[in-house]
Protein backbone atom coordinates (compact mmCIF):
# COMPACT_ATOMS: atom_id res chain seq x y z
CA UNK A 1 95.36 88.74 104.73
CA UNK A 2 95.75 91.16 101.86
CA UNK A 3 97.66 94.39 102.30
CA UNK A 4 95.82 97.63 103.01
CA UNK A 5 95.55 99.85 99.94
CA UNK A 6 92.22 101.66 100.13
CA UNK A 7 91.62 103.71 103.30
CA UNK A 8 88.66 105.67 104.60
CA UNK A 9 89.64 108.40 107.08
CA UNK A 10 87.03 109.90 109.43
CA UNK A 11 87.94 113.08 111.32
CA UNK A 12 89.99 115.60 109.34
CA UNK A 13 90.77 118.06 112.12
CA UNK A 14 94.06 119.60 113.22
CA UNK A 15 95.60 116.14 113.68
CA UNK A 16 93.65 114.14 111.12
CA UNK A 17 94.39 116.50 108.22
CA UNK A 18 98.19 116.07 108.17
CA UNK A 19 97.98 112.40 109.14
CA UNK A 20 95.67 111.55 106.24
CA UNK A 21 97.80 113.77 104.02
CA UNK A 22 100.83 111.59 104.68
CA UNK A 23 98.82 108.55 103.62
CA UNK A 24 97.99 110.19 100.29
CA UNK A 25 101.65 111.10 99.86
CA UNK A 26 102.66 107.49 100.60
CA UNK A 27 100.48 106.25 97.76
CA UNK A 28 97.43 104.93 99.59
CA UNK A 29 93.99 105.39 98.03
CA UNK A 30 92.46 107.73 100.64
CA UNK A 31 88.85 108.90 100.97
CA UNK A 32 88.09 111.37 103.77
CA UNK A 33 84.97 112.34 105.70
CA UNK A 34 84.20 114.92 108.37
CA UNK A 35 80.93 116.36 109.71
CA UNK A 36 82.33 119.74 108.64
CA UNK A 37 82.27 119.67 104.81
CA UNK A 38 84.61 122.66 104.64
CA UNK A 39 87.42 120.69 106.29
CA UNK A 40 87.06 117.99 103.64
CA UNK A 41 87.34 120.61 100.89
CA UNK A 42 90.44 122.08 102.55
CA UNK A 43 92.02 118.62 102.78
CA UNK A 44 91.38 117.73 99.15
CA UNK A 45 92.73 121.12 98.09
CA UNK A 46 95.89 120.62 100.14
CA UNK A 47 96.62 116.93 99.68
CA UNK A 48 94.41 115.42 97.01
CA UNK A 49 92.55 112.23 97.85
CA UNK A 50 88.81 111.75 97.54
CA UNK A 51 85.92 113.33 99.38
CA UNK A 52 83.00 111.41 100.89
CA UNK A 53 79.65 112.90 101.82
CA UNK A 54 78.56 110.11 104.16
CA UNK A 55 80.00 107.49 106.49
CA UNK A 56 78.88 104.74 104.14
CA UNK A 57 80.68 106.38 101.23
CA UNK A 58 83.93 106.75 103.17
CA UNK A 59 83.83 103.04 104.04
CA UNK A 60 82.74 101.67 100.68
CA UNK A 61 85.34 99.27 99.33
CA UNK A 62 87.84 100.23 102.04
CA UNK A 63 90.41 97.79 103.38
CA UNK A 64 90.60 99.92 106.52
CA UNK A 65 88.77 102.86 108.07
CA UNK A 66 90.74 105.14 110.36
CA UNK A 67 88.98 107.24 113.01
CA UNK A 68 90.55 110.33 114.57
CA UNK A 69 87.74 111.58 116.79
CA UNK A 70 87.14 113.14 120.24
CA UNK A 71 86.46 109.95 122.23
CA UNK A 72 85.33 106.33 122.11
CA UNK A 73 81.64 107.21 122.34
CA UNK A 74 81.88 109.24 119.13
CA UNK A 75 83.92 106.46 117.52
CA UNK A 76 81.28 103.88 118.44
CA UNK A 77 78.50 106.05 117.02
CA UNK A 78 80.44 106.62 113.80
CA UNK A 79 81.28 102.95 113.36
CA UNK A 80 78.05 101.28 114.44
CA UNK A 81 75.51 104.05 113.92
CA UNK A 82 71.95 102.79 114.18
CA UNK A 83 72.69 99.79 112.04
CA UNK A 84 72.25 101.45 108.66
CA UNK A 85 73.99 104.79 108.98
CA UNK A 86 77.37 103.85 110.44
CA UNK A 87 80.66 102.92 108.81
CA UNK A 88 79.96 99.24 109.46
CA UNK A 89 77.01 99.27 107.06
CA UNK A 90 79.41 99.58 104.12
CA UNK A 91 82.47 97.74 105.45
CA UNK A 92 83.19 94.37 103.94
CA UNK A 93 84.31 91.29 105.82
CA UNK A 94 88.07 91.34 106.43
CA UNK A 95 88.29 95.11 106.77
CA UNK A 96 89.96 96.78 109.75
CA UNK A 97 88.75 99.68 111.90
CA UNK A 98 91.80 101.57 113.16
CA UNK A 99 90.91 103.92 116.00
CA UNK A 100 93.71 106.48 116.35
CA UNK A 101 91.70 108.64 118.75
CA UNK A 102 92.40 108.85 122.47
CA UNK A 103 89.67 106.44 123.55
CA UNK A 104 88.64 104.58 126.67
CA UNK A 105 90.23 101.11 126.32
CA UNK A 106 87.16 99.42 127.81
CA UNK A 107 85.04 101.04 125.11
CA UNK A 108 87.56 99.92 122.48
CA UNK A 109 87.26 96.30 123.58
CA UNK A 110 83.48 96.58 123.55
CA UNK A 111 83.58 97.87 119.97
CA UNK A 112 85.90 95.03 118.97
CA UNK A 113 83.46 92.49 120.42
CA UNK A 114 80.59 94.09 118.51
CA UNK A 115 82.45 93.90 115.19
CA UNK A 116 84.01 90.46 115.60
CA UNK A 117 80.92 88.52 114.41
CA UNK A 118 80.99 90.60 111.22
CA UNK A 119 84.56 89.53 110.46
CA UNK A 120 85.88 93.05 111.05
CA UNK A 121 88.90 93.59 113.31
CA UNK A 122 89.46 96.62 115.54
CA UNK A 123 93.00 97.90 115.99
CA UNK A 124 93.65 100.73 118.44
CA UNK A 125 96.51 102.99 117.40
CA UNK A 126 96.59 106.21 119.45
CA UNK A 127 99.39 108.69 118.93
CA UNK A 128 101.78 110.61 121.15
CA UNK A 129 102.75 114.09 119.96
CA UNK A 130 100.79 117.12 118.84
CA UNK A 131 100.05 118.83 115.56
CA UNK A 132 103.71 119.64 114.87
CA UNK A 133 104.56 115.94 115.02
CA UNK A 134 101.55 115.03 112.90
CA UNK A 135 102.68 117.49 110.23
CA UNK A 136 106.16 116.01 109.88
CA UNK A 137 105.10 112.37 110.39
CA UNK A 138 107.16 112.01 113.56
CA UNK A 139 104.35 110.78 115.82
CA UNK A 140 104.94 107.90 118.21
CA UNK A 141 102.15 105.39 117.63
CA UNK A 142 101.01 102.59 119.92
CA UNK A 143 99.10 99.67 118.43
CA UNK A 144 96.92 96.99 119.97
CA UNK A 145 94.84 94.23 118.44
CA UNK A 146 94.90 90.82 116.85
CA UNK A 147 98.57 90.20 115.89
CA UNK A 148 97.80 89.55 112.23
CA UNK A 149 95.55 92.62 111.97
CA UNK A 150 98.09 94.81 113.76
CA UNK A 151 100.87 93.57 111.47
CA UNK A 152 98.72 94.36 108.46
CA UNK A 153 98.33 97.95 109.68
CA UNK A 154 102.05 98.63 110.20
CA UNK A 155 102.79 100.11 106.72
CA UNK A 156 99.88 102.51 107.20
CA UNK A 157 101.04 103.57 110.66
CA UNK A 158 104.66 103.99 109.57
CA UNK A 159 103.53 106.49 106.93
CA UNK A 160 102.30 108.72 109.76
CA UNK A 161 104.85 108.19 112.53
CA UNK A 162 108.45 107.56 113.41
CA UNK A 163 107.98 104.80 116.02
CA UNK A 164 105.34 102.10 116.30
CA UNK A 165 105.06 100.35 119.66
CA UNK A 166 103.20 97.04 119.61
CA UNK A 167 101.23 96.69 122.84
CA UNK A 168 99.43 93.36 122.57
CA UNK A 169 95.68 92.83 122.74
CA UNK A 170 93.04 95.23 121.45
CA UNK A 171 92.55 98.10 123.90
CA UNK A 172 96.08 97.85 125.27
CA UNK A 173 97.35 100.75 123.16
CA UNK A 174 94.56 103.03 124.35
CA UNK A 175 95.31 102.01 127.93
CA UNK A 176 99.02 102.81 127.48
CA UNK A 177 98.21 106.18 125.87
CA UNK A 178 95.97 107.17 128.78
CA UNK A 179 98.51 106.03 131.35
CA UNK A 180 101.35 107.86 129.59
CA UNK A 181 99.31 111.05 129.55
CA UNK A 182 98.45 110.53 133.22
CA UNK A 183 102.16 110.29 134.08
CA UNK A 184 102.86 113.48 132.09
CA UNK A 185 99.91 115.30 133.65
CA UNK A 186 100.96 114.23 137.14
CA UNK A 187 104.58 115.26 136.52
CA UNK A 188 103.55 118.72 135.28
CA UNK A 189 101.49 119.66 138.33
CA UNK A 190 104.08 118.01 140.60
CA UNK A 191 106.74 120.34 139.17
CA UNK A 192 104.47 123.40 139.39
CA UNK A 193 103.63 122.60 142.99
CA UNK A 194 107.32 122.23 143.90
CA UNK A 195 108.19 125.54 142.23
CA UNK A 196 105.43 127.47 144.00
CA UNK A 197 106.46 125.99 147.36
CA UNK A 198 110.09 126.85 146.66
CA UNK A 199 109.33 130.42 145.63
CA UNK A 200 107.24 130.96 148.73
CA UNK A 201 110.22 129.75 150.76
CA UNK A 202 112.47 132.25 148.98
CA UNK A 203 113.99 130.31 146.11
CA UNK A 204 114.16 131.67 142.55
CA UNK A 205 111.91 129.63 140.21
CA UNK A 206 114.31 129.79 137.26
CA UNK A 207 117.18 128.56 139.40
CA UNK A 208 114.98 125.77 140.72
CA UNK A 209 113.98 124.80 137.19
CA UNK A 210 117.61 124.51 136.15
CA UNK A 211 118.49 122.53 139.28
CA UNK A 212 115.56 120.15 138.87
CA UNK A 213 116.60 119.54 135.27
CA UNK A 214 120.38 119.27 135.56
CA UNK A 215 121.18 118.32 139.13
CA UNK A 216 118.42 117.03 141.34
CA UNK A 217 116.08 115.01 139.19
CA UNK A 218 117.89 114.29 135.93
CA UNK A 219 116.04 115.06 132.71
CA UNK A 220 112.75 116.69 133.69
CA UNK A 221 110.50 116.91 130.63
CA UNK A 222 107.70 119.04 132.18
CA UNK A 223 110.19 121.64 133.39
CA UNK A 224 112.23 121.69 130.16
CA UNK A 225 109.42 121.55 127.61
CA UNK A 226 106.49 123.18 129.37
CA UNK A 227 107.32 125.27 132.43
CA UNK A 228 110.45 127.13 131.23
CA UNK A 229 109.24 127.99 127.68
CA UNK A 230 105.53 128.42 128.42
CA UNK A 231 104.82 129.14 132.10
CA UNK A 232 107.75 131.42 132.88
CA UNK A 233 107.14 133.38 129.67
CA UNK A 234 103.34 133.32 129.92
CA UNK A 235 103.17 132.06 126.32
CA UNK A 236 101.03 129.04 127.22
CA UNK A 237 101.37 127.66 123.71
CA UNK A 238 102.00 123.91 123.75
CA UNK A 239 98.91 123.37 121.61
CA UNK A 240 97.30 120.84 123.96
CA UNK A 241 94.09 121.95 125.64
CA UNK A 242 93.60 121.53 129.38
CA UNK A 243 90.29 119.79 128.80
CA UNK A 244 91.96 117.07 126.73
CA UNK A 245 94.47 116.40 129.51
CA UNK A 246 91.64 116.23 132.06
CA UNK A 247 89.84 113.77 129.78
CA UNK A 248 92.93 111.59 129.32
CA UNK A 249 93.62 111.46 133.06
CA UNK A 250 89.98 110.48 133.65
CA UNK A 251 90.38 107.66 131.10
CA UNK A 252 93.42 106.41 133.04
CA UNK A 253 91.44 106.55 136.29
CA UNK A 254 88.45 104.77 134.75
CA UNK A 255 90.80 102.09 133.43
CA UNK A 256 92.22 101.60 136.94
CA UNK A 257 88.70 101.25 138.34
CA UNK A 258 87.72 98.80 135.59
CA UNK A 259 90.49 96.41 136.62
CA UNK A 260 90.19 97.03 140.38
CA UNK A 261 93.59 98.72 140.70
CA UNK A 262 94.64 100.82 143.70
CA UNK A 263 95.04 104.35 142.32
CA UNK A 264 94.55 107.04 144.98
CA UNK A 265 97.01 109.42 143.32
CA UNK A 266 95.22 109.11 139.98
CA UNK A 267 91.94 110.00 141.72
CA UNK A 268 93.41 113.19 143.16
CA UNK A 269 95.24 114.17 139.96
CA UNK A 270 92.03 113.70 138.00
CA UNK A 271 90.14 115.90 140.47
CA UNK A 272 92.77 118.65 140.18
CA UNK A 273 92.86 118.70 136.37
CA UNK A 274 89.07 118.66 136.15
CA UNK A 275 88.78 121.48 138.68
CA UNK A 276 91.40 123.57 136.86
CA UNK A 277 89.72 123.02 133.48
CA UNK A 278 86.35 124.01 134.92
CA UNK A 279 87.73 127.14 136.59
CA UNK A 280 90.05 128.39 133.85
CA UNK A 281 88.36 126.97 130.75
CA UNK A 282 88.79 123.56 129.16
CA UNK A 283 90.03 125.13 125.92
CA UNK A 284 92.97 126.80 127.67
CA UNK A 285 96.49 125.45 127.09
CA UNK A 286 97.58 122.68 129.47
CA UNK A 287 100.38 124.84 130.88
CA UNK A 288 97.85 127.37 132.15
CA UNK A 289 97.21 124.95 134.98
CA UNK A 290 100.08 126.85 136.62
CA UNK A 291 97.59 129.69 137.08
CA UNK A 292 95.46 127.37 139.21
CA UNK A 293 98.37 127.00 141.64
CA UNK A 294 99.26 130.69 141.44
CA UNK A 295 95.69 131.68 142.27
CA UNK A 296 95.59 129.23 145.17
CA UNK A 297 98.96 130.22 146.66
CA UNK A 298 99.39 133.87 145.66
CA UNK A 299 102.76 132.95 144.13
CA UNK A 300 103.71 133.94 140.56
CA UNK A 301 106.13 131.78 138.57
CA UNK A 302 106.63 134.33 135.81
CA UNK A 303 108.93 136.71 137.66
CA UNK A 304 106.33 139.36 138.32
CA UNK A 305 105.57 140.11 141.95
CA UNK A 306 102.46 138.69 143.52
């Protein structure tokens, strides 16, 4: 297989903009497309590259098309369209579709099956890390797909991230991403729940946070990176929306159901995140889920009396 030189990039949002920018900087021939023309203009002004006004134009002559979109349903619509208006209409045999979105792995495998007869491989390459990591190319990237296709994509992925984890078959990377986010989401509400119980008993939340981090539970990422700097201070500024976490946990749960796994905790965690997002607003920062516990228990974790 030839190396990837010409790339079409679909989805130039908060994450896609810096990621595609790193590809331009690395010397790839990058053409970008977004349903919001103004974001394309901003990108070209910031990074260079080429602008496309349609999905066919962004895919024309491309060795690979990268999607950074809300979910697998949007990805499928963008790639397949109605036969004549999707990316696939202009993709040549031997090209690769690299889905870097957070997608349902079952949907990813379905897309791969749909493209296989056309001689087009699907590689799933979701990322861990937010906008800050995208801006400095320090994302952790998981990759799944045909070994030869995944290997072909490595130089592209390394231009956007610091670590690339090879996960095996197509869909595996999306499954790992969803499961990793489920573990993080579960750990965050587990820590919040423990702190509200402790405070109600008479313990100081800040002392508990330090103990959970340094003495009782070893390194505790949710406490260190989310609760202390964002919940205690009421800054709520991690940059990850509650609705996205709820979506990712639901993907993990749906994956468990698809393979017949026993996942009662995932069911309850998904219910809690969905309920919190509905009550507080899906656009709210993930750390505001602490307010869901505070409202339910009458306990404040920010030091103010309640």
